């Protein structure tokens, strides 16, 4: 199972989701998963995640190591599941020529929380990164359980 998490710039929410899911899979001893993240925009390509995201994750024992990249057309065939952090990014993904609507979902919808966005903490205070991690940790458990069943 190949999962791609997607947000706008690939420096806050999606690399956090990637790291949280990877950590969960490792702790659970689940095999056969490939986890990655990307952004719909290209502003931060080649850069590490936001230092606040890295610090908030580290406080919970989760390590973010990804480098920002932009979604590529081949992602739609290489990944079984593409999880957008918000409706705007989901819509951007679905508007791409190579999009496969059957593979693109909202993260929180698949996590059983409805059509809710994972809030973007980029312009807020450091507390927003903790809130995002709460959502991602809770949701990743539900998503993983659903995929295993």
N, C-alpha and C. Protein backbone atom coordinates (compact mmCIF):
# COMPACT_ATOMS: atom_id res chain seq x y z
N UNK A 1 0.85 -1.17 0.00
CA UNK A 1 0.00 0.00 0.00
C UNK A 1 0.89 1.23 0.00
N UNK A 2 0.67 2.09 -0.97
CA UNK A 2 1.45 3.32 -1.11
C UNK A 2 0.52 4.51 -0.83
N UNK A 3 0.89 5.34 0.17
CA UNK A 3 0.07 6.48 0.57
C UNK A 3 0.86 7.76 0.39
N UNK A 4 0.23 8.75 -0.24
CA UNK A 4 0.82 10.08 -0.42
C UNK A 4 -0.05 11.09 0.31
N UNK A 5 0.56 11.86 1.21
CA UNK A 5 -0.13 12.93 1.92
C UNK A 5 0.19 14.24 1.20
N UNK A 6 -0.83 15.09 1.01
CA UNK A 6 -0.64 16.31 0.23
C UNK A 6 -1.23 17.52 0.95
N UNK A 7 -0.42 18.59 1.01
CA UNK A 7 -0.90 19.89 1.46
C UNK A 7 -0.44 20.93 0.42
N UNK A 8 -0.41 22.17 0.79
CA UNK A 8 -0.09 23.22 -0.17
C UNK A 8 1.40 23.30 -0.48
N UNK A 9 2.24 23.49 0.53
CA UNK A 9 3.66 23.70 0.28
C UNK A 9 4.56 22.54 0.66
N UNK A 10 3.99 21.51 1.29
CA UNK A 10 4.72 20.32 1.71
C UNK A 10 5.82 20.65 2.73
N UNK A 11 5.50 21.58 3.65
CA UNK A 11 6.46 21.87 4.72
C UNK A 11 5.85 21.81 6.12
N UNK A 12 4.52 21.71 6.22
CA UNK A 12 3.90 21.65 7.55
C UNK A 12 3.04 20.40 7.70
N UNK A 13 1.84 20.42 7.14
CA UNK A 13 0.87 19.36 7.39
C UNK A 13 1.23 18.03 6.75
N UNK A 14 1.55 18.02 5.46
CA UNK A 14 1.79 16.73 4.81
C UNK A 14 3.08 16.05 5.28
N UNK A 15 4.18 16.77 5.51
CA UNK A 15 5.34 16.06 6.06
C UNK A 15 5.08 15.57 7.49
N UNK A 16 4.25 16.31 8.23
CA UNK A 16 3.88 15.85 9.57
C UNK A 16 3.04 14.58 9.48
N UNK A 17 2.09 14.55 8.54
CA UNK A 17 1.26 13.36 8.34
C UNK A 17 2.12 12.18 7.91
N UNK A 18 3.05 12.42 7.01
CA UNK A 18 3.96 11.36 6.57
C UNK A 18 4.72 10.78 7.75
N UNK A 19 5.27 11.64 8.59
CA UNK A 19 6.07 11.19 9.73
C UNK A 19 5.22 10.48 10.78
N UNK A 20 4.03 11.00 11.04
CA UNK A 20 3.14 10.37 12.02
C UNK A 20 2.73 8.98 11.54
N UNK A 21 2.33 8.86 10.27
CA UNK A 21 1.92 7.55 9.75
C UNK A 21 3.09 6.58 9.72
N UNK A 22 4.24 7.05 9.30
CA UNK A 22 5.43 6.19 9.27
C UNK A 22 5.77 5.69 10.68
N UNK A 23 5.70 6.59 11.65
CA UNK A 23 5.97 6.21 13.04
C UNK A 23 4.95 5.19 13.54
N UNK A 24 3.68 5.39 13.23
CA UNK A 24 2.63 4.47 13.64
C UNK A 24 2.84 3.09 13.03
N UNK A 25 3.14 3.06 11.75
CA UNK A 25 3.37 1.79 11.05
C UNK A 25 4.56 1.04 11.66
N UNK A 26 5.61 1.77 11.97
CA UNK A 26 6.79 1.14 12.58
C UNK A 26 6.47 0.60 13.97
N UNK A 27 5.76 1.39 14.78
CA UNK A 27 5.41 0.95 16.13
C UNK A 27 4.48 -0.27 16.11
N UNK A 28 3.58 -0.29 15.14
CA UNK A 28 2.62 -1.40 15.02
C UNK A 28 3.25 -2.62 14.35
N UNK A 29 4.42 -2.46 13.76
CA UNK A 29 5.07 -3.58 13.08
C UNK A 29 4.38 -3.99 11.79
N UNK A 30 3.71 -3.04 11.16
CA UNK A 30 2.99 -3.31 9.92
C UNK A 30 3.97 -3.21 8.75
N UNK A 31 3.91 -4.16 7.85
CA UNK A 31 4.80 -4.16 6.70
C UNK A 31 4.03 -3.91 5.41
N UNK A 32 4.76 -3.56 4.37
CA UNK A 32 4.16 -3.41 3.05
C UNK A 32 3.60 -2.03 2.75
N UNK A 33 3.98 -1.02 3.53
CA UNK A 33 3.52 0.34 3.30
C UNK A 33 4.66 1.22 2.83
N UNK A 34 4.37 2.10 1.89
CA UNK A 34 5.29 3.15 1.45
C UNK A 34 4.56 4.46 1.72
N UNK A 35 5.20 5.36 2.44
CA UNK A 35 4.57 6.62 2.83
C UNK A 35 5.42 7.77 2.29
N UNK A 36 4.75 8.78 1.72
CA UNK A 36 5.44 9.95 1.17
C UNK A 36 4.53 11.16 1.33
N UNK A 37 5.06 12.32 0.99
CA UNK A 37 4.25 13.54 1.02
C UNK A 37 4.69 14.47 -0.10
N UNK A 38 3.79 15.38 -0.46
CA UNK A 38 4.07 16.34 -1.53
C UNK A 38 3.15 17.55 -1.34
N UNK A 39 3.43 18.59 -2.12
CA UNK A 39 2.60 19.78 -2.09
C UNK A 39 2.02 20.07 -3.46
N UNK A 40 0.90 20.76 -3.48
CA UNK A 40 0.34 21.16 -4.76
C UNK A 40 1.10 22.36 -5.33
N UNK A 41 1.74 23.13 -4.48
CA UNK A 41 2.53 24.27 -4.92
C UNK A 41 4.01 23.95 -4.95
N UNK A 42 4.78 24.85 -5.58
CA UNK A 42 6.22 24.59 -5.75
C UNK A 42 7.12 25.55 -4.97
N UNK A 43 6.56 26.33 -4.06
CA UNK A 43 7.32 27.38 -3.37
C UNK A 43 8.49 26.85 -2.56
N UNK A 44 8.34 25.67 -1.98
CA UNK A 44 9.33 25.18 -1.03
C UNK A 44 10.09 23.94 -1.52
N UNK A 45 9.97 23.61 -2.79
CA UNK A 45 10.60 22.40 -3.32
C UNK A 45 12.08 22.37 -2.94
N UNK A 46 12.52 21.22 -2.42
CA UNK A 46 13.92 21.03 -2.04
C UNK A 46 14.26 21.47 -0.64
N UNK A 47 13.31 22.06 0.07
CA UNK A 47 13.57 22.55 1.42
C UNK A 47 13.06 21.56 2.46
N UNK A 48 13.63 21.62 3.67
CA UNK A 48 13.13 20.75 4.75
C UNK A 48 11.79 21.28 5.25
N UNK A 49 11.15 20.49 6.08
CA UNK A 49 9.90 20.91 6.70
C UNK A 49 10.12 22.15 7.56
N UNK A 50 9.05 22.86 7.85
CA UNK A 50 9.07 24.03 8.72
C UNK A 50 9.66 23.63 10.08
N UNK A 51 10.55 24.45 10.60
CA UNK A 51 11.22 24.12 11.86
C UNK A 51 10.24 23.95 13.01
N UNK A 52 9.11 24.65 12.97
CA UNK A 52 8.11 24.51 14.03
C UNK A 52 7.42 23.14 13.95
N UNK A 53 7.20 22.65 12.74
CA UNK A 53 6.61 21.31 12.57
C UNK A 53 7.59 20.26 13.07
N UNK A 54 8.85 20.42 12.73
CA UNK A 54 9.88 19.48 13.16
C UNK A 54 9.96 19.45 14.69
N UNK A 55 9.95 20.62 15.32
CA UNK A 55 10.06 20.70 16.78
C UNK A 55 8.83 20.10 17.47
N UNK A 56 7.64 20.42 16.97
CA UNK A 56 6.41 19.89 17.57
C UNK A 56 6.37 18.37 17.47
N UNK A 57 6.76 17.84 16.34
CA UNK A 57 6.79 16.38 16.16
C UNK A 57 7.84 15.76 17.07
N UNK A 58 9.01 16.37 17.16
CA UNK A 58 10.08 15.84 18.00
C UNK A 58 9.65 15.78 19.47
N UNK A 59 8.84 16.75 19.90
CA UNK A 59 8.33 16.75 21.27
C UNK A 59 7.47 15.52 21.55
N UNK A 60 6.96 14.89 20.49
CA UNK A 60 6.13 13.69 20.62
C UNK A 60 6.89 12.42 20.21
N UNK A 61 8.18 12.57 19.99
CA UNK A 61 8.99 11.41 19.63
C UNK A 61 8.89 11.02 18.16
N UNK A 62 8.40 11.93 17.33
CA UNK A 62 8.25 11.67 15.90
C UNK A 62 9.26 12.51 15.14
N UNK A 63 9.95 11.91 14.19
CA UNK A 63 10.99 12.60 13.42
C UNK A 63 10.50 12.88 12.01
N UNK A 64 10.56 14.15 11.62
CA UNK A 64 10.23 14.57 10.25
C UNK A 64 11.54 14.73 9.50
N UNK A 65 11.71 13.97 8.43
CA UNK A 65 12.96 14.01 7.66
C UNK A 65 12.73 14.35 6.19
N UNK A 66 11.50 14.56 5.79
CA UNK A 66 11.21 14.72 4.36
C UNK A 66 11.72 16.05 3.81
N UNK A 67 11.88 16.07 2.51
CA UNK A 67 12.23 17.27 1.76
C UNK A 67 11.05 17.61 0.85
N UNK A 68 10.67 18.87 0.83
CA UNK A 68 9.49 19.28 0.08
C UNK A 68 9.63 18.98 -1.41
N UNK A 69 8.53 18.50 -1.97
CA UNK A 69 8.44 18.29 -3.40
C UNK A 69 7.02 18.59 -3.85
N UNK A 70 6.85 18.79 -5.12
CA UNK A 70 5.54 19.07 -5.69
C UNK A 70 4.93 17.78 -6.24
N UNK A 71 3.61 17.70 -6.20
CA UNK A 71 2.90 16.55 -6.77
C UNK A 71 3.27 16.44 -8.24
N UNK A 72 3.51 15.19 -8.68
CA UNK A 72 3.85 14.90 -10.08
C UNK A 72 2.73 14.09 -10.72
N UNK A 73 2.55 14.17 -12.01
CA UNK A 73 1.50 13.38 -12.67
C UNK A 73 1.60 11.89 -12.36
N UNK A 74 2.81 11.36 -12.28
CA UNK A 74 2.97 9.92 -12.03
C UNK A 74 2.55 9.51 -10.61
N UNK A 75 2.40 10.48 -9.70
CA UNK A 75 1.94 10.15 -8.36
C UNK A 75 0.56 9.49 -8.39
N UNK A 76 -0.25 9.87 -9.38
CA UNK A 76 -1.60 9.32 -9.46
C UNK A 76 -1.62 7.85 -9.85
N UNK A 77 -0.56 7.37 -10.46
CA UNK A 77 -0.49 5.94 -10.76
C UNK A 77 0.42 5.19 -9.78
N UNK A 78 1.36 5.89 -9.16
CA UNK A 78 2.30 5.25 -8.25
C UNK A 78 1.74 5.05 -6.84
N UNK A 79 0.74 5.87 -6.45
CA UNK A 79 0.20 5.78 -5.09
C UNK A 79 -1.22 5.23 -5.13
N UNK A 80 -1.50 4.34 -4.18
CA UNK A 80 -2.83 3.74 -4.08
C UNK A 80 -3.82 4.71 -3.46
N UNK A 81 -3.32 5.56 -2.59
CA UNK A 81 -4.16 6.47 -1.83
C UNK A 81 -3.46 7.82 -1.72
N UNK A 82 -4.17 8.87 -2.09
CA UNK A 82 -3.63 10.23 -1.99
C UNK A 82 -4.56 11.00 -1.06
N UNK A 83 -4.00 11.41 0.09
CA UNK A 83 -4.80 12.05 1.12
C UNK A 83 -4.48 13.53 1.22
N UNK A 84 -5.45 14.34 0.83
CA UNK A 84 -5.31 15.80 0.88
C UNK A 84 -5.62 16.30 2.28
N UNK A 85 -4.86 17.29 2.71
CA UNK A 85 -5.05 17.84 4.04
C UNK A 85 -6.25 18.78 4.12
N UNK A 86 -6.69 19.31 2.99
CA UNK A 86 -7.87 20.18 3.00
C UNK A 86 -8.60 20.12 1.67
N UNK A 87 -9.79 20.70 1.66
CA UNK A 87 -10.64 20.66 0.46
C UNK A 87 -10.02 21.40 -0.72
N UNK A 88 -9.34 22.50 -0.47
CA UNK A 88 -8.72 23.26 -1.56
C UNK A 88 -7.65 22.42 -2.26
N UNK A 89 -6.83 21.72 -1.48
CA UNK A 89 -5.81 20.88 -2.08
C UNK A 89 -6.41 19.65 -2.75
N UNK A 90 -7.48 19.10 -2.16
CA UNK A 90 -8.18 17.99 -2.83
C UNK A 90 -8.69 18.44 -4.19
N UNK A 91 -9.30 19.62 -4.22
CA UNK A 91 -9.82 20.13 -5.48
C UNK A 91 -8.71 20.40 -6.49
N UNK A 92 -7.56 20.90 -6.01
CA UNK A 92 -6.41 21.11 -6.90
C UNK A 92 -5.91 19.79 -7.47
N UNK A 93 -5.86 18.78 -6.63
CA UNK A 93 -5.43 17.46 -7.09
C UNK A 93 -6.40 16.92 -8.15
N UNK A 94 -7.69 17.03 -7.88
CA UNK A 94 -8.68 16.50 -8.81
C UNK A 94 -8.71 17.26 -10.13
N UNK A 95 -8.23 18.51 -10.13
CA UNK A 95 -8.19 19.30 -11.35
C UNK A 95 -7.00 18.98 -12.23
N UNK A 96 -6.04 18.23 -11.70
CA UNK A 96 -4.86 17.88 -12.48
C UNK A 96 -5.23 16.86 -13.55
N UNK A 97 -4.61 16.99 -14.68
CA UNK A 97 -4.94 16.15 -15.83
C UNK A 97 -4.79 14.66 -15.54
N UNK A 98 -3.80 14.29 -14.77
CA UNK A 98 -3.53 12.88 -14.50
C UNK A 98 -4.34 12.33 -13.32
N UNK A 99 -5.16 13.16 -12.70
CA UNK A 99 -5.86 12.78 -11.48
C UNK A 99 -6.70 11.52 -11.65
N UNK A 100 -6.69 10.71 -10.62
CA UNK A 100 -7.54 9.54 -10.52
C UNK A 100 -8.44 9.78 -9.32
N UNK A 101 -9.70 10.19 -9.55
CA UNK A 101 -10.60 10.54 -8.45
C UNK A 101 -10.80 9.42 -7.44
N UNK A 102 -10.63 8.19 -7.85
CA UNK A 102 -10.79 7.07 -6.94
C UNK A 102 -9.69 6.94 -5.92
N UNK A 103 -8.58 7.61 -6.16
CA UNK A 103 -7.43 7.53 -5.24
C UNK A 103 -7.29 8.75 -4.35
N UNK A 104 -8.02 9.83 -4.64
CA UNK A 104 -7.87 11.11 -3.92
C UNK A 104 -9.00 11.27 -2.90
N UNK A 105 -8.60 11.50 -1.65
CA UNK A 105 -9.57 11.67 -0.57
C UNK A 105 -9.09 12.73 0.40
N UNK A 106 -10.01 13.28 1.16
CA UNK A 106 -9.65 14.15 2.28
C UNK A 106 -9.16 13.27 3.42
N UNK A 107 -8.08 13.66 4.05
CA UNK A 107 -7.55 12.89 5.18
C UNK A 107 -8.60 12.70 6.26
N UNK A 108 -9.23 13.78 6.70
CA UNK A 108 -10.15 13.69 7.83
C UNK A 108 -11.42 12.94 7.46
N UNK A 109 -11.78 12.95 6.20
CA UNK A 109 -12.94 12.18 5.77
C UNK A 109 -12.64 10.68 5.90
N UNK A 110 -11.48 10.27 5.43
CA UNK A 110 -11.08 8.87 5.54
C UNK A 110 -10.85 8.48 7.00
N UNK A 111 -10.54 9.47 7.82
CA UNK A 111 -10.34 9.22 9.24
C UNK A 111 -11.66 9.21 10.01
N UNK A 112 -12.78 9.32 9.30
CA UNK A 112 -14.08 9.25 9.93
C UNK A 112 -14.55 10.54 10.56
N UNK A 113 -13.95 11.67 10.17
CA UNK A 113 -14.31 12.95 10.78
C UNK A 113 -15.07 13.88 9.84
N UNK A 114 -15.48 13.38 8.69
CA UNK A 114 -16.26 14.18 7.75
C UNK A 114 -15.39 15.06 6.87
N UNK A 115 -16.04 15.98 6.19
CA UNK A 115 -15.36 16.85 5.22
C UNK A 115 -14.69 18.03 5.93
N UNK A 116 -13.84 17.73 6.88
CA UNK A 116 -13.13 18.77 7.62
C UNK A 116 -11.70 18.89 7.11
N UNK A 117 -11.20 20.11 7.14
CA UNK A 117 -9.81 20.37 6.77
C UNK A 117 -8.90 20.14 7.97
N UNK A 118 -7.67 19.72 7.69
CA UNK A 118 -6.60 19.80 8.68
C UNK A 118 -6.14 21.25 8.60
N UNK A 119 -6.29 22.03 9.66
CA UNK A 119 -5.95 23.46 9.58
C UNK A 119 -4.46 23.68 9.27
N UNK A 120 -4.21 24.72 8.49
CA UNK A 120 -2.83 25.05 8.13
C UNK A 120 -2.22 25.92 9.23
N UNK A 121 -1.20 25.42 9.94
CA UNK A 121 -0.62 26.19 11.05
C UNK A 121 0.43 27.21 10.63
N UNK A 122 0.74 27.30 9.35
CA UNK A 122 1.88 28.08 8.86
C UNK A 122 1.89 29.53 9.36
N UNK A 123 0.75 30.21 9.30
CA UNK A 123 0.72 31.62 9.67
C UNK A 123 0.30 31.86 11.12
N UNK A 124 0.08 30.78 11.87
CA UNK A 124 -0.34 30.92 13.26
C UNK A 124 0.81 30.78 14.22
N UNK A 125 0.45 30.61 15.49
CA UNK A 125 1.48 30.43 16.52
C UNK A 125 1.86 28.96 16.62
N UNK A 126 2.83 28.68 17.47
CA UNK A 126 3.35 27.32 17.59
C UNK A 126 2.30 26.31 18.04
N UNK A 127 1.28 26.76 18.76
CA UNK A 127 0.24 25.86 19.23
C UNK A 127 -0.53 25.19 18.10
N UNK A 128 -0.59 25.83 16.95
CA UNK A 128 -1.28 25.24 15.81
C UNK A 128 -0.64 23.96 15.33
N UNK A 129 0.67 23.84 15.52
CA UNK A 129 1.37 22.63 15.10
C UNK A 129 1.00 21.45 16.00
N UNK A 130 0.79 21.71 17.27
CA UNK A 130 0.32 20.67 18.18
C UNK A 130 -1.08 20.22 17.85
N UNK A 131 -1.94 21.17 17.50
CA UNK A 131 -3.32 20.83 17.11
C UNK A 131 -3.31 19.95 15.86
N UNK A 132 -2.47 20.29 14.89
CA UNK A 132 -2.36 19.49 13.67
C UNK A 132 -1.89 18.08 14.01
N UNK A 133 -0.91 17.96 14.87
CA UNK A 133 -0.41 16.63 15.26
C UNK A 133 -1.49 15.82 15.98
N UNK A 134 -2.31 16.47 16.81
CA UNK A 134 -3.42 15.77 17.47
C UNK A 134 -4.34 15.15 16.42
N UNK A 135 -4.71 15.95 15.41
CA UNK A 135 -5.59 15.49 14.34
C UNK A 135 -4.94 14.35 13.56
N UNK A 136 -3.67 14.51 13.23
CA UNK A 136 -2.96 13.50 12.43
C UNK A 136 -2.76 12.20 13.19
N UNK A 137 -2.44 12.30 14.47
CA UNK A 137 -2.25 11.08 15.26
C UNK A 137 -3.55 10.30 15.38
N UNK A 138 -4.62 10.99 15.73
CA UNK A 138 -5.93 10.37 15.87
C UNK A 138 -6.39 9.78 14.53
N UNK A 139 -6.28 10.57 13.48
CA UNK A 139 -6.74 10.14 12.16
C UNK A 139 -5.91 9.02 11.56
N UNK A 140 -4.61 9.03 11.79
CA UNK A 140 -3.75 7.99 11.22
C UNK A 140 -4.09 6.62 11.78
N UNK A 141 -4.44 6.57 13.05
CA UNK A 141 -4.84 5.30 13.66
C UNK A 141 -6.09 4.76 12.94
N UNK A 142 -7.06 5.62 12.72
CA UNK A 142 -8.30 5.22 12.05
C UNK A 142 -8.04 4.80 10.61
N UNK A 143 -7.24 5.58 9.90
CA UNK A 143 -6.92 5.26 8.51
C UNK A 143 -6.21 3.92 8.42
N UNK A 144 -5.20 3.72 9.25
CA UNK A 144 -4.45 2.47 9.22
C UNK A 144 -5.34 1.28 9.57
N UNK A 145 -6.18 1.44 10.59
CA UNK A 145 -7.10 0.36 10.95
C UNK A 145 -8.03 0.03 9.78
N UNK A 146 -8.52 1.04 9.09
CA UNK A 146 -9.38 0.81 7.94
C UNK A 146 -8.68 0.10 6.81
N UNK A 147 -7.43 0.42 6.59
CA UNK A 147 -6.66 -0.22 5.51
C UNK A 147 -6.31 -1.66 5.85
N UNK A 148 -6.11 -1.95 7.13
CA UNK A 148 -5.78 -3.32 7.54
C UNK A 148 -6.99 -4.22 7.49
N UNK A 149 -8.18 -3.66 7.58
CA UNK A 149 -9.42 -4.47 7.60
C UNK A 149 -10.00 -4.62 6.25
